[in-house]
């Protein structure tokens, strides 16, 4: 893993621990910061809260520790996603829930390819993520932290070659968005769970 990581540009690596062999390889990279967080793999207790100041008060909210509940998720398009893509779908949704809303993430092979963060609308976030991913977007998973209010993001995803869209669903225009996926042969999954990081 350390050898493969040395082949790409990285600024920071965070892991529970490192072997001596891995440290010897990684410390040869100039300006690479290595952090060891032994408890990084532990699940955050549900009782943990986030505290944010707002004008005139304090916002207290639960940490978003939820993942995809495959018993509740449903494929809503004629095209069905390959079950082998489940790890990529889970990874994309894990990343997108930590991006400021309106959040879009493109991922493939357990790697983030493009992130569209915190824009005033979902199409701009999609365009940013697609532009960042470039040609790597072909066959990628597109994850959204909330529903698509219009089909414009699907059109942008189709043009980029995205193969699967995973999102909460629940928009007034869900049927229009699903129809756009069907028109382009894109699989879409509704998870039923929004994230919205603000």
N, C-alpha and C. Protein backbone atom coordinates (compact mmCIF):
# COMPACT_ATOMS: atom_id res chain seq x y z
N UNK A 1 0.83 -1.19 0.00
CA UNK A 1 0.00 0.00 0.00
C UNK A 1 0.87 1.25 0.00
N UNK A 2 1.91 1.27 0.80
CA UNK A 2 2.80 2.44 0.86
C UNK A 2 3.47 2.69 -0.48
N UNK A 3 3.87 1.62 -1.16
CA UNK A 3 4.50 1.77 -2.48
C UNK A 3 3.50 2.38 -3.46
N UNK A 4 2.27 1.88 -3.48
CA UNK A 4 1.24 2.43 -4.37
C UNK A 4 0.95 3.89 -4.02
N UNK A 5 0.90 4.22 -2.75
CA UNK A 5 0.62 5.59 -2.34
C UNK A 5 1.77 6.53 -2.73
N UNK A 6 2.97 6.03 -2.76
CA UNK A 6 4.12 6.84 -3.13
C UNK A 6 4.09 7.24 -4.60
N UNK A 7 3.31 6.52 -5.39
CA UNK A 7 3.26 6.79 -6.83
C UNK A 7 2.36 7.96 -7.18
N UNK A 8 1.56 8.44 -6.22
CA UNK A 8 0.64 9.56 -6.48
C UNK A 8 0.96 10.73 -5.56
N UNK A 9 0.48 11.91 -5.94
CA UNK A 9 0.70 13.10 -5.12
C UNK A 9 -0.21 13.07 -3.90
N UNK A 10 0.39 13.13 -2.74
CA UNK A 10 -0.35 13.17 -1.48
C UNK A 10 0.29 14.22 -0.58
N UNK A 11 -0.53 14.89 0.21
CA UNK A 11 0.00 15.84 1.18
C UNK A 11 -0.10 15.30 2.59
N UNK A 12 -1.17 14.53 2.85
CA UNK A 12 -1.40 14.02 4.21
C UNK A 12 -1.91 12.58 4.11
N UNK A 13 -1.40 11.73 4.97
CA UNK A 13 -1.91 10.36 5.11
C UNK A 13 -2.29 10.18 6.57
N UNK A 14 -3.52 9.74 6.81
CA UNK A 14 -4.01 9.49 8.16
C UNK A 14 -4.33 8.01 8.26
N UNK A 15 -3.76 7.34 9.24
CA UNK A 15 -3.99 5.90 9.41
C UNK A 15 -3.92 5.56 10.90
N UNK A 16 -4.51 4.42 11.27
CA UNK A 16 -4.43 4.01 12.69
C UNK A 16 -2.98 3.80 13.13
N UNK A 17 -2.16 3.23 12.23
CA UNK A 17 -0.75 2.99 12.56
C UNK A 17 0.01 2.70 11.26
N UNK A 18 1.33 2.61 11.36
CA UNK A 18 2.19 2.34 10.20
C UNK A 18 3.22 1.29 10.59
N UNK A 19 3.54 0.41 9.66
CA UNK A 19 4.65 -0.52 9.90
C UNK A 19 5.96 0.23 9.66
N UNK A 20 7.06 -0.30 10.15
CA UNK A 20 8.36 0.32 9.92
C UNK A 20 8.67 0.39 8.42
N UNK A 21 8.31 -0.68 7.70
CA UNK A 21 8.56 -0.71 6.26
C UNK A 21 7.78 0.39 5.54
N UNK A 22 6.52 0.56 5.94
CA UNK A 22 5.70 1.61 5.32
C UNK A 22 6.26 2.99 5.63
N UNK A 23 6.68 3.21 6.87
CA UNK A 23 7.26 4.51 7.23
C UNK A 23 8.52 4.80 6.43
N UNK A 24 9.37 3.79 6.22
CA UNK A 24 10.58 3.98 5.43
C UNK A 24 10.26 4.43 4.01
N UNK A 25 9.17 3.90 3.45
CA UNK A 25 8.78 4.27 2.09
C UNK A 25 8.14 5.65 2.07
N UNK A 26 7.20 5.89 2.96
CA UNK A 26 6.44 7.13 2.94
C UNK A 26 7.26 8.35 3.36
N UNK A 27 8.20 8.17 4.25
CA UNK A 27 9.00 9.32 4.70
C UNK A 27 9.99 9.79 3.64
N UNK A 28 10.13 9.04 2.57
CA UNK A 28 11.00 9.48 1.47
C UNK A 28 10.31 10.51 0.57
N UNK A 29 8.98 10.65 0.72
CA UNK A 29 8.25 11.64 -0.07
C UNK A 29 8.39 13.01 0.57
N UNK A 30 8.80 13.98 -0.22
CA UNK A 30 9.00 15.33 0.29
C UNK A 30 7.66 15.96 0.68
N UNK A 31 7.64 16.58 1.84
CA UNK A 31 6.48 17.33 2.34
C UNK A 31 5.22 16.49 2.59
N UNK A 32 5.36 15.19 2.70
CA UNK A 32 4.21 14.34 3.04
C UNK A 32 4.07 14.30 4.56
N UNK A 33 2.88 14.61 5.03
CA UNK A 33 2.61 14.59 6.46
C UNK A 33 1.92 13.28 6.81
N UNK A 34 2.45 12.58 7.80
CA UNK A 34 1.88 11.31 8.23
C UNK A 34 1.30 11.49 9.63
N UNK A 35 0.03 11.16 9.78
CA UNK A 35 -0.63 11.25 11.07
C UNK A 35 -1.07 9.86 11.50
N UNK A 36 -0.83 9.56 12.75
CA UNK A 36 -1.28 8.29 13.30
C UNK A 36 -2.39 8.57 14.30
N UNK A 37 -3.58 8.05 14.01
CA UNK A 37 -4.74 8.21 14.89
C UNK A 37 -5.24 6.81 15.24
N UNK A 38 -4.78 6.26 16.35
CA UNK A 38 -5.12 4.87 16.69
C UNK A 38 -6.61 4.57 16.76
N UNK A 39 -7.44 5.58 17.08
CA UNK A 39 -8.86 5.32 17.27
C UNK A 39 -9.70 5.70 16.05
N UNK A 40 -9.06 5.92 14.90
CA UNK A 40 -9.76 6.40 13.71
C UNK A 40 -10.83 5.43 13.23
N UNK A 41 -10.65 4.14 13.48
CA UNK A 41 -11.61 3.15 12.98
C UNK A 41 -12.77 2.91 13.93
N UNK A 42 -12.73 3.52 15.10
CA UNK A 42 -13.82 3.31 16.06
C UNK A 42 -15.04 4.13 15.66
N UNK A 43 -16.20 3.56 15.85
CA UNK A 43 -17.45 4.26 15.52
C UNK A 43 -17.71 5.35 16.55
N UNK A 44 -18.13 6.51 16.06
CA UNK A 44 -18.47 7.60 16.97
C UNK A 44 -19.73 7.21 17.73
N UNK A 45 -19.72 7.33 19.05
CA UNK A 45 -20.93 6.98 19.80
C UNK A 45 -22.11 7.84 19.39
N UNK A 46 -23.31 7.26 19.29
CA UNK A 46 -24.48 8.01 18.87
C UNK A 46 -24.77 9.23 19.74
N UNK A 47 -24.34 9.20 21.00
CA UNK A 47 -24.63 10.31 21.90
C UNK A 47 -23.77 11.54 21.60
N UNK A 48 -22.70 11.38 20.83
CA UNK A 48 -21.84 12.51 20.50
C UNK A 48 -22.61 13.55 19.69
N UNK A 49 -22.33 14.79 19.97
CA UNK A 49 -23.02 15.89 19.31
C UNK A 49 -22.01 16.84 18.67
N UNK A 50 -22.48 17.59 17.68
CA UNK A 50 -21.71 18.68 17.11
C UNK A 50 -22.31 19.98 17.62
N UNK A 51 -21.45 20.93 17.95
CA UNK A 51 -21.89 22.22 18.46
C UNK A 51 -21.38 23.31 17.53
N UNK A 52 -22.29 24.14 17.05
CA UNK A 52 -21.91 25.25 16.17
C UNK A 52 -22.59 26.52 16.64
N UNK A 53 -21.82 27.59 16.63
CA UNK A 53 -22.40 28.88 16.99
C UNK A 53 -23.26 29.41 15.85
N UNK A 54 -24.38 29.95 16.21
CA UNK A 54 -25.22 30.68 15.28
C UNK A 54 -25.56 32.00 15.94
N UNK A 55 -25.99 32.97 15.17
CA UNK A 55 -26.30 34.28 15.74
C UNK A 55 -27.39 34.12 16.79
N UNK A 56 -27.06 34.52 17.99
CA UNK A 56 -28.03 34.48 19.08
C UNK A 56 -28.21 33.12 19.71
N UNK A 57 -27.34 32.17 19.42
CA UNK A 57 -27.54 30.87 20.04
C UNK A 57 -26.50 29.84 19.65
N UNK A 58 -26.89 28.59 19.84
CA UNK A 58 -25.99 27.47 19.61
C UNK A 58 -26.78 26.37 18.90
N UNK A 59 -26.20 25.84 17.82
CA UNK A 59 -26.82 24.73 17.10
C UNK A 59 -26.20 23.44 17.61
N UNK A 60 -27.04 22.53 18.07
CA UNK A 60 -26.57 21.23 18.56
C UNK A 60 -27.19 20.16 17.68
N UNK A 61 -26.33 19.33 17.09
CA UNK A 61 -26.84 18.29 16.22
C UNK A 61 -26.05 17.00 16.40
N UNK A 62 -26.68 15.88 16.10
CA UNK A 62 -26.00 14.59 16.17
C UNK A 62 -24.98 14.48 15.06
N UNK A 63 -23.90 13.73 15.31
CA UNK A 63 -22.97 13.39 14.25
C UNK A 63 -23.69 12.49 13.25
N UNK A 64 -23.37 12.66 11.99
CA UNK A 64 -23.96 11.82 10.95
C UNK A 64 -23.13 10.54 10.82
N UNK A 65 -23.55 9.50 11.50
CA UNK A 65 -22.80 8.25 11.51
C UNK A 65 -23.48 7.18 10.65
N UNK A 66 -24.53 7.57 9.93
CA UNK A 66 -25.30 6.59 9.18
C UNK A 66 -24.64 6.23 7.85
N UNK A 67 -24.84 5.00 7.45
CA UNK A 67 -24.40 4.53 6.14
C UNK A 67 -25.61 4.12 5.33
N UNK A 68 -25.38 3.43 4.23
CA UNK A 68 -26.49 2.98 3.38
C UNK A 68 -27.13 1.75 4.03
N UNK A 69 -28.43 1.80 4.19
CA UNK A 69 -29.19 0.64 4.64
C UNK A 69 -29.70 -0.06 3.38
N UNK A 70 -29.02 -1.13 2.99
CA UNK A 70 -29.35 -1.79 1.72
C UNK A 70 -30.73 -2.43 1.75
N UNK A 71 -31.28 -2.67 2.94
CA UNK A 71 -32.64 -3.20 3.02
C UNK A 71 -33.67 -2.13 2.67
N UNK A 72 -33.32 -0.86 2.90
CA UNK A 72 -34.23 0.26 2.60
C UNK A 72 -33.96 0.87 1.23
N UNK A 73 -32.73 0.79 0.76
CA UNK A 73 -32.37 1.37 -0.53
C UNK A 73 -33.07 0.62 -1.65
N UNK A 74 -33.39 1.34 -2.73
CA UNK A 74 -34.05 0.68 -3.84
C UNK A 74 -33.58 1.24 -5.18
N UNK A 75 -33.46 0.35 -6.13
CA UNK A 75 -33.12 0.74 -7.50
C UNK A 75 -34.41 1.25 -8.14
N UNK A 76 -34.36 2.48 -8.70
CA UNK A 76 -35.57 3.09 -9.24
C UNK A 76 -35.54 3.21 -10.77
N UNK A 77 -34.48 2.72 -11.38
CA UNK A 77 -34.33 2.80 -12.84
C UNK A 77 -34.42 1.41 -13.47
N UNK A 78 -34.59 1.42 -14.80
CA UNK A 78 -34.61 0.13 -15.51
C UNK A 78 -33.22 -0.51 -15.47
N UNK A 79 -32.18 0.31 -15.57
CA UNK A 79 -30.82 -0.20 -15.50
C UNK A 79 -30.48 -0.49 -14.05
N UNK A 80 -29.98 -1.69 -13.80
CA UNK A 80 -29.63 -2.10 -12.44
C UNK A 80 -28.11 -2.00 -12.27
N UNK A 81 -27.64 -1.50 -11.12
CA UNK A 81 -26.20 -1.44 -10.91
C UNK A 81 -25.63 -2.82 -10.61
N UNK A 82 -24.41 -3.03 -11.02
CA UNK A 82 -23.70 -4.27 -10.73
C UNK A 82 -23.45 -4.35 -9.22
N UNK A 83 -23.76 -5.48 -8.60
CA UNK A 83 -23.53 -5.64 -7.15
C UNK A 83 -22.07 -5.43 -6.77
N UNK A 84 -21.16 -5.66 -7.72
CA UNK A 84 -19.73 -5.47 -7.45
C UNK A 84 -19.40 -4.01 -7.18
N UNK A 85 -20.31 -3.09 -7.53
CA UNK A 85 -20.08 -1.66 -7.32
C UNK A 85 -20.52 -1.19 -5.94
N UNK A 86 -21.07 -2.07 -5.13
CA UNK A 86 -21.54 -1.66 -3.80
C UNK A 86 -20.47 -0.98 -2.96
N UNK A 87 -19.23 -1.52 -2.91
CA UNK A 87 -18.20 -0.82 -2.13
C UNK A 87 -17.95 0.60 -2.62
N UNK A 88 -17.98 0.81 -3.93
CA UNK A 88 -17.80 2.16 -4.47
C UNK A 88 -18.97 3.07 -4.11
N UNK A 89 -20.18 2.51 -4.14
CA UNK A 89 -21.36 3.31 -3.77
C UNK A 89 -21.30 3.70 -2.29
N UNK A 90 -20.93 2.75 -1.45
CA UNK A 90 -20.80 3.05 -0.02
C UNK A 90 -19.72 4.08 0.23
N UNK A 91 -18.60 3.94 -0.49
CA UNK A 91 -17.50 4.89 -0.34
C UNK A 91 -17.94 6.29 -0.77
N UNK A 92 -18.60 6.39 -1.92
CA UNK A 92 -19.05 7.69 -2.43
C UNK A 92 -20.01 8.36 -1.45
N UNK A 93 -20.94 7.59 -0.87
CA UNK A 93 -21.88 8.17 0.09
C UNK A 93 -21.19 8.55 1.39
N UNK A 94 -20.17 7.79 1.78
CA UNK A 94 -19.40 8.15 2.97
C UNK A 94 -18.70 9.49 2.78
N UNK A 95 -18.12 9.68 1.61
CA UNK A 95 -17.42 10.94 1.32
C UNK A 95 -18.42 12.09 1.22
N UNK A 96 -19.51 11.90 0.48
CA UNK A 96 -20.43 13.01 0.21
C UNK A 96 -21.07 13.55 1.48
N UNK A 97 -21.27 12.71 2.47
CA UNK A 97 -21.92 13.22 3.69
C UNK A 97 -21.00 14.12 4.51
N UNK A 98 -19.72 14.15 4.16
CA UNK A 98 -18.78 15.02 4.85
C UNK A 98 -18.43 16.27 4.04
N UNK A 99 -19.14 16.46 2.93
CA UNK A 99 -18.93 17.63 2.08
C UNK A 99 -20.09 18.60 2.29
N UNK A 100 -19.79 19.88 2.28
CA UNK A 100 -20.85 20.88 2.48
C UNK A 100 -21.93 20.75 1.42
N UNK A 101 -23.16 20.86 1.87
CA UNK A 101 -24.30 20.75 0.98
C UNK A 101 -24.41 22.03 0.13
N UNK A 102 -24.81 21.98 -1.10
CA UNK A 102 -25.27 20.88 -1.94
C UNK A 102 -24.06 20.07 -2.39
N UNK A 103 -23.93 18.86 -1.98
CA UNK A 103 -22.71 18.09 -2.21
C UNK A 103 -22.89 17.02 -3.27
N UNK A 104 -21.89 16.94 -4.15
CA UNK A 104 -21.82 15.90 -5.17
C UNK A 104 -20.41 15.31 -5.12
N UNK A 105 -20.31 13.98 -5.16
CA UNK A 105 -19.01 13.29 -5.19
C UNK A 105 -19.02 12.27 -6.31
N UNK A 106 -17.93 12.25 -7.08
CA UNK A 106 -17.70 11.20 -8.07
C UNK A 106 -16.61 10.30 -7.54
N UNK A 107 -16.84 8.99 -7.59
CA UNK A 107 -15.87 8.03 -7.06
C UNK A 107 -15.84 6.78 -7.91
N UNK A 108 -14.69 6.12 -7.89
CA UNK A 108 -14.53 4.84 -8.59
C UNK A 108 -13.32 4.14 -8.00
N UNK A 109 -13.39 2.83 -7.88
CA UNK A 109 -12.29 2.04 -7.32
C UNK A 109 -11.86 2.55 -5.95
N UNK A 110 -12.86 2.89 -5.12
CA UNK A 110 -12.63 3.40 -3.76
C UNK A 110 -11.72 4.61 -3.75
N UNK A 111 -11.87 5.46 -4.76
CA UNK A 111 -11.07 6.68 -4.87
C UNK A 111 -12.00 7.84 -5.22
N UNK A 112 -11.82 8.96 -4.54
CA UNK A 112 -12.57 10.16 -4.87
C UNK A 112 -11.97 10.78 -6.13
N UNK A 113 -12.82 11.04 -7.12
CA UNK A 113 -12.37 11.60 -8.39
C UNK A 113 -12.72 13.07 -8.53
N UNK A 114 -13.85 13.47 -7.97
CA UNK A 114 -14.29 14.86 -8.07
C UNK A 114 -15.26 15.18 -6.97
N UNK A 115 -15.15 16.40 -6.43
CA UNK A 115 -16.04 16.85 -5.36
C UNK A 115 -16.61 18.20 -5.75
N UNK A 116 -17.93 18.30 -5.69
CA UNK A 116 -18.62 19.58 -5.89
C UNK A 116 -19.23 20.00 -4.57
N UNK A 117 -18.61 20.93 -3.84
CA UNK A 117 -19.07 21.28 -2.50
C UNK A 117 -19.86 22.58 -2.42
N UNK A 118 -20.80 22.63 -1.51
CA UNK A 118 -21.43 23.84 -1.01
C UNK A 118 -21.85 24.91 -1.99
N UNK A 119 -22.42 24.54 -3.10
CA UNK A 119 -22.87 25.52 -4.08
C UNK A 119 -24.34 25.86 -3.83
N UNK A 120 -24.84 26.97 -4.42
CA UNK A 120 -26.23 27.33 -4.19
C UNK A 120 -27.23 26.42 -4.90
N UNK A 121 -26.73 25.58 -5.82
CA UNK A 121 -27.62 24.63 -6.50
C UNK A 121 -26.82 23.37 -6.83
N UNK A 122 -27.55 22.30 -7.08
CA UNK A 122 -26.92 20.99 -7.29
C UNK A 122 -26.23 20.87 -8.65
N UNK A 123 -26.71 21.57 -9.67
CA UNK A 123 -26.09 21.48 -10.99
C UNK A 123 -24.67 22.06 -10.96
N UNK A 124 -24.47 23.15 -10.25
CA UNK A 124 -23.13 23.73 -10.18
C UNK A 124 -22.19 22.78 -9.45
N UNK A 125 -22.66 22.18 -8.38
CA UNK A 125 -21.84 21.19 -7.66
C UNK A 125 -21.49 20.02 -8.58
N UNK A 126 -22.47 19.57 -9.37
CA UNK A 126 -22.23 18.46 -10.30
C UNK A 126 -21.19 18.86 -11.35
N UNK A 127 -21.32 20.06 -11.89
CA UNK A 127 -20.37 20.52 -12.91
C UNK A 127 -18.96 20.61 -12.36
N UNK A 128 -18.82 21.06 -11.13
CA UNK A 128 -17.50 21.15 -10.49
C UNK A 128 -16.91 19.75 -10.33
N UNK A 129 -17.71 18.82 -9.80
CA UNK A 129 -17.22 17.45 -9.58
C UNK A 129 -16.83 16.78 -10.90
N UNK A 130 -17.64 16.98 -11.93
CA UNK A 130 -17.36 16.40 -13.24
C UNK A 130 -16.07 16.99 -13.82
N UNK A 131 -15.92 18.30 -13.70
CA UNK A 131 -14.71 18.96 -14.21
C UNK A 131 -13.47 18.45 -13.49
N UNK A 132 -13.57 18.27 -12.18
CA UNK A 132 -12.43 17.76 -11.40
C UNK A 132 -12.08 16.33 -11.80
N UNK A 133 -13.08 15.51 -12.05
CA UNK A 133 -12.85 14.10 -12.39
C UNK A 133 -12.31 13.94 -13.81
N UNK A 134 -12.72 14.82 -14.72
CA UNK A 134 -12.26 14.72 -16.11
C UNK A 134 -12.65 13.38 -16.73
N UNK A 135 -11.74 12.79 -17.48
CA UNK A 135 -12.01 11.53 -18.16
C UNK A 135 -12.22 10.37 -17.19
N UNK A 136 -11.74 10.50 -15.97
CA UNK A 136 -11.91 9.43 -14.98
C UNK A 136 -13.37 9.26 -14.57
N UNK A 137 -14.22 10.22 -14.93
CA UNK A 137 -15.64 10.14 -14.57
C UNK A 137 -16.35 9.00 -15.30
N UNK A 138 -15.78 8.51 -16.41
CA UNK A 138 -16.43 7.44 -17.17
C UNK A 138 -16.54 6.18 -16.31
N UNK A 139 -17.76 5.72 -16.11
CA UNK A 139 -18.00 4.52 -15.31
C UNK A 139 -18.03 4.77 -13.81
N UNK A 140 -17.97 6.04 -13.40
CA UNK A 140 -17.90 6.37 -11.98
C UNK A 140 -19.28 6.35 -11.32
N UNK A 141 -19.25 6.38 -10.00
CA UNK A 141 -20.45 6.52 -9.17
C UNK A 141 -20.61 7.99 -8.85
N UNK A 142 -21.82 8.52 -8.97
CA UNK A 142 -22.10 9.89 -8.54
C UNK A 142 -22.99 9.80 -7.31
N UNK A 143 -22.53 10.36 -6.20
CA UNK A 143 -23.30 10.38 -4.96
C UNK A 143 -23.73 11.80 -4.66
N UNK A 144 -24.95 11.94 -4.20
CA UNK A 144 -25.50 13.25 -3.83
C UNK A 144 -26.00 13.17 -2.39
N UNK A 145 -25.75 14.22 -1.61
CA UNK A 145 -26.17 14.22 -0.21
C UNK A 145 -27.67 14.44 -0.04
N UNK A 146 -28.33 14.92 -1.10
CA UNK A 146 -29.78 15.16 -1.05
C UNK A 146 -30.36 14.91 -2.44
N UNK A 147 -31.68 15.06 -2.55
CA UNK A 147 -32.34 14.75 -3.82
C UNK A 147 -31.98 15.75 -4.91
N UNK A 148 -32.25 15.35 -6.15
CA UNK A 148 -32.06 16.22 -7.32
C UNK A 148 -33.39 16.90 -7.61
N UNK A 149 -33.44 18.23 -7.53
CA UNK A 149 -34.70 18.93 -7.79
C UNK A 149 -35.04 18.98 -9.28
N UNK A 150 -34.01 18.82 -10.14
CA UNK A 150 -34.19 18.85 -11.59
C UNK A 150 -33.32 17.78 -12.22
N UNK A 151 -33.54 17.51 -13.50
CA UNK A 151 -32.77 16.48 -14.20
C UNK A 151 -31.47 17.03 -14.81
N UNK A 152 -31.18 18.34 -14.64
CA UNK A 152 -29.99 18.92 -15.26
C UNK A 152 -28.69 18.26 -14.80
N UNK A 153 -28.62 17.88 -13.53
CA UNK A 153 -27.42 17.20 -13.02
C UNK A 153 -27.25 15.82 -13.67
N UNK A 154 -28.35 15.16 -13.95
CA UNK A 154 -28.29 13.85 -14.60
C UNK A 154 -27.75 14.01 -16.01
N UNK A 155 -28.19 15.05 -16.71
CA UNK A 155 -27.69 15.31 -18.06
C UNK A 155 -26.18 15.54 -18.03
N UNK A 156 -25.70 16.30 -17.05
CA UNK A 156 -24.26 16.54 -16.92
C UNK A 156 -23.52 15.25 -16.58
N UNK A 157 -24.11 14.44 -15.72
CA UNK A 157 -23.50 13.16 -15.35
C UNK A 157 -23.43 12.22 -16.55
N UNK A 158 -24.50 12.19 -17.34
CA UNK A 158 -24.54 11.32 -18.53
C UNK A 158 -23.47 11.74 -19.52
N UNK A 159 -23.32 13.02 -19.73
CA UNK A 159 -22.31 13.52 -20.66
C UNK A 159 -20.91 13.14 -20.21
N UNK A 160 -20.71 13.08 -18.88
CA UNK A 160 -19.40 12.71 -18.33
C UNK A 160 -19.16 11.21 -18.33
N UNK A 161 -20.22 10.41 -18.54
CA UNK A 161 -20.07 8.96 -18.58
C UNK A 161 -20.30 8.25 -17.26
N UNK A 162 -20.96 8.91 -16.32
CA UNK A 162 -21.27 8.30 -15.02
C UNK A 162 -22.16 7.08 -15.23
N UNK A 163 -21.93 6.02 -14.47
CA UNK A 163 -22.72 4.79 -14.66
C UNK A 163 -23.80 4.58 -13.61
N UNK A 164 -23.58 5.10 -12.39
CA UNK A 164 -24.55 4.91 -11.30
C UNK A 164 -24.69 6.23 -10.53
N UNK A 165 -25.93 6.57 -10.21
CA UNK A 165 -26.21 7.72 -9.34
C UNK A 165 -26.87 7.16 -8.08
N UNK A 166 -26.36 7.58 -6.94
CA UNK A 166 -26.95 7.17 -5.67
C UNK A 166 -27.29 8.44 -4.88
N UNK A 167 -28.52 8.49 -4.43
CA UNK A 167 -29.02 9.71 -3.78
C UNK A 167 -30.21 9.37 -2.90
N UNK A 168 -30.62 10.29 -2.01
CA UNK A 168 -31.73 10.00 -1.11
C UNK A 168 -33.08 9.83 -1.82
N UNK A 169 -33.33 10.60 -2.89
CA UNK A 169 -34.65 10.60 -3.49
C UNK A 169 -35.60 11.45 -2.66
N UNK A 170 -36.83 11.59 -3.13
CA UNK A 170 -37.84 12.33 -2.37
C UNK A 170 -38.16 13.70 -2.93
N UNK A 171 -37.71 14.01 -4.16
CA UNK A 171 -38.01 15.30 -4.77
C UNK A 171 -39.36 15.25 -5.47
N UNK A 172 -39.95 16.42 -5.66
CA UNK A 172 -41.22 16.52 -6.39
C UNK A 172 -41.04 15.98 -7.81
N UNK A 173 -39.83 16.23 -8.39
CA UNK A 173 -39.57 15.82 -9.77
C UNK A 173 -38.78 14.51 -9.85
N UNK A 174 -38.90 13.65 -8.88
CA UNK A 174 -38.19 12.36 -8.93
C UNK A 174 -38.44 11.62 -10.25
N UNK A 175 -39.70 11.63 -10.71
CA UNK A 175 -40.04 10.89 -11.93
C UNK A 175 -39.25 11.43 -13.13
N UNK A 176 -39.11 12.74 -13.20
CA UNK A 176 -38.36 13.38 -14.30
C UNK A 176 -36.87 13.00 -14.22
N UNK A 177 -36.33 12.98 -13.01
CA UNK A 177 -34.92 12.64 -12.79
C UNK A 177 -34.68 11.17 -13.14
N UNK A 178 -35.57 10.31 -12.72
CA UNK A 178 -35.46 8.87 -13.03
C UNK A 178 -35.56 8.65 -14.53
N UNK A 179 -36.48 9.36 -15.19
CA UNK A 179 -36.65 9.23 -16.63
C UNK A 179 -35.37 9.65 -17.37
N UNK A 180 -34.69 10.68 -16.87
CA UNK A 180 -33.43 11.11 -17.48
C UNK A 180 -32.38 10.03 -17.34
N UNK A 181 -32.33 9.37 -16.18
CA UNK A 181 -31.39 8.26 -16.00
C UNK A 181 -31.73 7.13 -16.97
N UNK A 182 -33.00 6.79 -17.07
CA UNK A 182 -33.42 5.72 -17.98
C UNK A 182 -33.06 6.05 -19.43
N UNK A 183 -33.21 7.31 -19.80
CA UNK A 183 -32.90 7.72 -21.17
C UNK A 183 -31.42 7.55 -21.50
N UNK A 184 -30.58 7.63 -20.48
CA UNK A 184 -29.13 7.53 -20.69
C UNK A 184 -28.54 6.20 -20.23
N UNK A 185 -29.40 5.28 -19.76
CA UNK A 185 -28.91 3.97 -19.32
C UNK A 185 -28.11 4.03 -18.03
N UNK A 186 -28.40 5.03 -17.20
CA UNK A 186 -27.72 5.18 -15.91
C UNK A 186 -28.57 4.51 -14.83
N UNK A 187 -27.94 3.75 -13.96
CA UNK A 187 -28.65 3.15 -12.82
C UNK A 187 -28.78 4.21 -11.73
N UNK A 188 -29.92 4.21 -11.05
CA UNK A 188 -30.11 5.14 -9.92
C UNK A 188 -30.65 4.38 -8.72
N UNK A 189 -30.07 4.69 -7.57
CA UNK A 189 -30.52 4.10 -6.31
C UNK A 189 -30.98 5.23 -5.39
N UNK A 190 -32.14 5.03 -4.77
CA UNK A 190 -32.62 5.94 -3.73
C UNK A 190 -32.34 5.29 -2.38
N UNK A 191 -31.65 6.02 -1.52
CA UNK A 191 -31.32 5.50 -0.18
C UNK A 191 -32.39 5.85 0.85
N UNK A 192 -33.15 6.93 0.58
CA UNK A 192 -34.16 7.37 1.54
C UNK A 192 -33.61 8.16 2.70
N UNK A 193 -32.31 8.49 2.66
CA UNK A 193 -31.68 9.19 3.78
C UNK A 193 -30.86 10.38 3.29
N UNK A 194 -31.24 11.57 3.73
CA UNK A 194 -30.51 12.79 3.38
C UNK A 194 -29.38 13.03 4.38
N UNK A 195 -28.39 13.80 3.94
CA UNK A 195 -27.27 14.09 4.83
C UNK A 195 -27.15 15.58 5.16
N UNK A 196 -26.97 16.47 4.23
CA UNK A 196 -26.94 17.92 4.46
C UNK A 196 -25.95 18.37 5.53
N UNK A 197 -24.70 18.50 5.20
CA UNK A 197 -23.72 19.07 6.14
C UNK A 197 -23.69 20.58 5.94
N UNK A 198 -23.98 21.31 7.01
CA UNK A 198 -23.99 22.77 6.95
C UNK A 198 -23.01 23.33 7.98
